[in-house]
Amino acid sequence: MTWLLIALGGAVGAASRFLVDIAVTARLGDRLPWGTLAVNLTGSAAFGLLAGLSASTTGAAMSLLGVGFCGAFTTASALAWETVALAERGPPWRAVANMGLSVAVGLALGGAGLAVGLSLSA
């Protein structure tokens, strides 16, 4: 049953990632991969929140939302590919900015989500 929850969450997460990426890129342009940045940052915050809530959350919910949805919604491979593409086609500062924003802000949002989740589950 766990695999089915992960598959369902993954299907919804992947579709959501695609739709958010398109919407954000249409709004902000493609000088930086804003869509991938948006999904990775919101996914980091969401997974941090879920991790903080894990003491009061069922294993089924974590499989569906954490592993399935957040796992498919966020994407390390697109981050890597888009960062290399930025470095190859333009000034290197864009690639550095993309990676720096993704890692630094992603860690901060993941930590903030964890803190909120822990405070809510206490």
Protein backbone atom coordinates (compact mmCIF):
# COMPACT_ATOMS: atom_id res chain seq x y z
CA MET A 1 0.00 0.00 0.00
CA THR A 2 2.88 2.41 0.72
CA TRP A 3 4.12 2.23 -2.86
CA LEU A 4 0.67 3.24 -4.11
CA LEU A 5 0.62 6.31 -1.86
CA ILE A 6 4.09 7.28 -3.07
CA ALA A 7 3.03 6.79 -6.69
CA LEU A 8 -0.11 8.88 -6.22
CA GLY A 9 1.77 11.67 -4.44
CA GLY A 10 4.48 11.53 -7.09
CA ALA A 11 1.99 11.85 -9.94
CA VAL A 12 0.38 14.90 -8.37
CA GLY A 13 3.77 16.38 -7.42
CA ALA A 14 5.20 15.99 -10.93
CA ALA A 15 2.14 17.53 -12.57
CA SER A 16 2.14 20.37 -10.03
CA ARG A 17 5.81 21.01 -10.66
CA PHE A 18 5.20 21.30 -14.39
CA LEU A 19 2.27 23.71 -13.95
CA VAL A 20 4.05 25.91 -11.40
CA ASP A 21 7.20 26.03 -13.54
CA ILE A 22 5.23 27.16 -16.59
CA ALA A 23 3.24 29.77 -14.65
CA VAL A 24 6.27 31.28 -12.88
CA THR A 25 8.41 31.32 -16.03
CA ALA A 26 5.62 33.01 -17.99
CA ARG A 27 5.37 35.69 -15.30
CA LEU A 28 9.08 36.29 -14.55
CA GLY A 29 10.84 35.27 -17.76
CA ASP A 30 13.73 32.90 -18.30
CA ARG A 31 16.87 34.93 -17.54
CA LEU A 32 17.09 32.66 -14.49
CA PRO A 33 15.15 29.39 -14.10
CA TRP A 34 12.58 31.01 -11.77
CA GLY A 35 10.11 28.14 -12.12
CA THR A 36 12.56 25.53 -10.89
CA LEU A 37 13.69 27.88 -8.14
CA ALA A 38 10.07 28.38 -7.03
CA VAL A 39 9.27 24.66 -6.87
CA ASN A 40 12.51 23.76 -5.11
CA LEU A 41 12.12 26.50 -2.51
CA THR A 42 8.45 25.82 -1.76
CA GLY A 43 9.18 22.10 -1.75
CA SER A 44 12.01 22.61 0.75
CA ALA A 45 9.72 24.54 3.08
CA ALA A 46 6.94 21.97 2.70
CA PHE A 47 9.24 19.03 3.36
CA GLY A 48 10.75 20.79 6.38
CA LEU A 49 7.24 21.33 7.72
CA LEU A 50 6.34 17.69 7.16
CA ALA A 51 9.54 16.56 8.87
CA GLY A 52 8.69 18.73 11.85
CA LEU A 53 5.19 17.30 11.96
CA SER A 54 6.42 13.72 11.52
CA ALA A 55 5.97 12.90 15.21
CA SER A 56 2.26 13.63 14.87
CA THR A 57 1.85 12.48 11.26
CA THR A 58 1.12 8.95 10.08
CA GLY A 59 3.57 7.01 7.97
CA ALA A 60 0.96 6.95 5.21
CA ALA A 61 0.76 10.74 5.15
CA MET A 62 4.54 11.03 5.03
CA SER A 63 4.68 8.54 2.16
CA LEU A 64 2.02 10.41 0.20
CA LEU A 65 3.10 13.98 0.91
CA GLY A 66 6.80 13.78 1.77
CA VAL A 67 8.25 11.05 -0.38
CA GLY A 68 5.64 11.14 -3.14
CA PHE A 69 4.54 14.73 -3.60
CA CYS A 70 7.61 16.65 -2.37
CA GLY A 71 9.97 14.14 -3.98
CA ALA A 72 8.40 14.62 -7.40
CA PHE A 73 7.62 18.33 -6.97
CA THR A 74 11.24 19.30 -6.27
CA THR A 75 14.02 18.52 -8.68
CA ALA A 76 17.77 18.35 -8.26
CA SER A 77 18.30 17.23 -11.86
CA ALA A 78 16.62 20.31 -13.35
CA LEU A 79 18.60 22.54 -10.99
CA ALA A 80 21.86 20.95 -12.16
CA TRP A 81 20.95 21.00 -15.85
CA GLU A 82 19.69 24.59 -15.80
CA THR A 83 22.74 25.79 -13.87
CA VAL A 84 25.08 24.25 -16.44
CA ALA A 85 22.99 25.75 -19.25
CA LEU A 86 23.20 29.19 -17.62
CA ALA A 87 26.99 28.88 -17.36
CA GLU A 88 27.30 27.84 -21.01
CA ARG A 89 25.08 30.51 -22.54
CA GLY A 90 25.66 33.64 -20.52
CA PRO A 91 27.58 35.39 -17.82
CA PRO A 92 28.78 32.99 -15.13
CA TRP A 93 27.19 35.07 -12.35
CA ARG A 94 23.77 33.75 -13.42
CA ALA A 95 24.82 30.15 -12.81
CA VAL A 96 26.39 31.08 -9.48
CA ALA A 97 23.30 33.08 -8.48
CA ASN A 98 20.99 30.22 -9.43
CA MET A 99 22.93 27.65 -7.41
CA GLY A 100 23.52 30.00 -4.50
CA LEU A 101 19.86 31.03 -4.24
CA SER A 102 18.68 27.46 -4.55
CA VAL A 103 20.98 26.05 -1.89
CA ALA A 104 21.06 28.91 0.63
CA VAL A 105 17.39 29.85 0.50
CA GLY A 106 16.33 26.20 0.21
CA LEU A 107 18.20 25.33 3.40
CA ALA A 108 16.76 28.37 5.17
CA LEU A 109 13.20 27.57 4.12
CA GLY A 110 13.63 23.90 4.98
CA GLY A 111 14.85 24.89 8.44
CA ALA A 112 12.00 27.37 8.87
CA GLY A 113 9.47 24.73 7.84
CA LEU A 114 11.02 22.29 10.29
CA ALA A 115 10.84 24.84 13.11
CA VAL A 116 7.18 25.57 12.37
CA GLY A 117 6.36 21.86 12.16
CA LEU A 118 8.11 21.11 15.44
CA SER A 119 6.30 23.95 17.19
CA LEU A 120 2.94 22.78 15.85
CA SER A 121 3.52 19.17 16.89
CA ALA A 122 4.66 20.08 20.42
